[in-house]
């Protein structure tokens, strides 16, 4: 809404990737500008997820969040001792 242009790989959003160029071009801001909506493919994406994808999107071929790994290792260790 303030004129900035944000670009991210369309591969992050499978519905957009599979949509036609015409469907991708037909979008609108929602929630006063906090998100983008594509009616034809029923897709909503928050602007925040575009600006900080690491907080919102699990990117292809990326490992799970490190905190989850630590928790899993800790739980496995407790089971082995118990």
Protein backbone atom coordinates (compact mmCIF):
# COMPACT_ATOMS: atom_id res chain seq x y z
CA UNK A 1 0.00 0.00 0.00
CA UNK A 2 2.99 2.29 0.49
CA UNK A 3 4.42 1.58 -2.96
CA UNK A 4 7.08 -0.96 -1.99
CA UNK A 5 7.52 -4.01 -4.19
CA UNK A 6 8.23 -7.36 -2.56
CA UNK A 7 9.35 -10.36 -4.59
CA UNK A 8 9.55 -13.98 -3.43
CA UNK A 9 9.75 -17.27 -5.32
CA UNK A 10 6.32 -18.44 -6.46
CA UNK A 11 7.45 -21.98 -5.55
CA UNK A 12 6.89 -21.07 -1.89
CA UNK A 13 3.16 -21.05 -2.59
CA UNK A 14 1.98 -24.21 -4.39
CA UNK A 15 -1.46 -22.82 -5.23
CA UNK A 16 0.09 -19.81 -6.91
CA UNK A 17 2.60 -22.02 -8.69
CA UNK A 18 -0.20 -24.14 -10.16
CA UNK A 19 -2.41 -21.15 -11.03
CA UNK A 20 -2.60 -19.64 -14.49
CA UNK A 21 -0.93 -16.27 -15.12
CA UNK A 22 -4.43 -14.75 -15.35
CA UNK A 23 -5.38 -16.18 -11.94
CA UNK A 24 -2.14 -14.95 -10.36
CA UNK A 25 -2.71 -11.46 -11.76
CA UNK A 26 -6.20 -11.24 -10.20
CA UNK A 27 -5.42 -10.36 -6.57
CA UNK A 28 -6.52 -7.82 -3.98
CA UNK A 29 -5.30 -6.50 -0.62
CA UNK A 30 -7.31 -7.69 2.36
CA UNK A 31 -7.50 -6.67 6.01
CA UNK A 32 -6.47 -3.10 5.38
CA UNK A 33 -3.33 -4.24 3.57
CA UNK A 34 -2.14 -6.99 5.93
CA UNK A 35 -2.69 -9.70 3.33
CA UNK A 36 -3.24 -10.56 -0.30
CA UNK A 37 -6.17 -12.63 -1.60
CA UNK A 38 -6.57 -14.55 -4.86
CA UNK A 39 -10.27 -15.36 -5.23
CA UNK A 40 -9.99 -17.79 -8.15
CA UNK A 41 -7.59 -20.09 -6.31
CA UNK A 42 -8.78 -19.41 -2.74
CA UNK A 43 -5.34 -18.29 -1.54
CA UNK A 44 -4.52 -15.77 1.17
CA UNK A 45 -0.97 -14.74 2.03
CA UNK A 46 0.01 -12.30 4.76
CA UNK A 47 2.39 -9.50 3.92
CA UNK A 48 4.32 -10.37 7.09
CA UNK A 49 5.06 -13.84 5.69
CA UNK A 50 6.55 -12.23 2.59
CA UNK A 51 8.75 -9.88 4.61
CA UNK A 52 9.93 -12.50 7.13
CA UNK A 53 9.35 -15.91 5.54
CA UNK A 54 11.51 -17.72 8.08
CA UNK A 55 8.86 -16.96 10.72
CA UNK A 56 5.86 -18.11 8.68
CA UNK A 57 6.81 -20.47 5.87
CA UNK A 58 8.59 -23.81 5.93
CA UNK A 59 10.65 -23.52 2.79
CA UNK A 60 11.20 -26.61 0.63
CA UNK A 61 14.20 -28.75 1.62
CA UNK A 62 14.82 -26.85 4.84
CA UNK A 63 15.19 -28.72 8.14
CA UNK A 64 12.69 -28.33 10.93
CA UNK A 65 13.14 -25.43 13.35
CA UNK A 66 16.20 -26.05 15.60
CA UNK A 67 14.12 -25.78 18.80
CA UNK A 68 11.97 -28.69 17.64
CA UNK A 69 15.07 -30.78 17.02
CA UNK A 70 16.44 -30.03 20.50
CA UNK A 71 13.11 -30.92 22.09
CA UNK A 72 12.95 -34.22 20.18
CA UNK A 73 16.51 -35.15 21.20
CA UNK A 74 15.74 -34.31 24.83
CA UNK A 75 12.59 -36.43 24.81
CA UNK A 76 14.41 -39.36 23.22
CA UNK A 77 17.09 -39.13 25.91
CA UNK A 78 14.46 -39.19 28.68
CA UNK A 79 12.82 -42.28 27.18
CA UNK A 80 16.13 -44.13 26.98
CA UNK A 81 16.84 -43.45 30.67
CA UNK A 82 13.28 -44.11 31.85
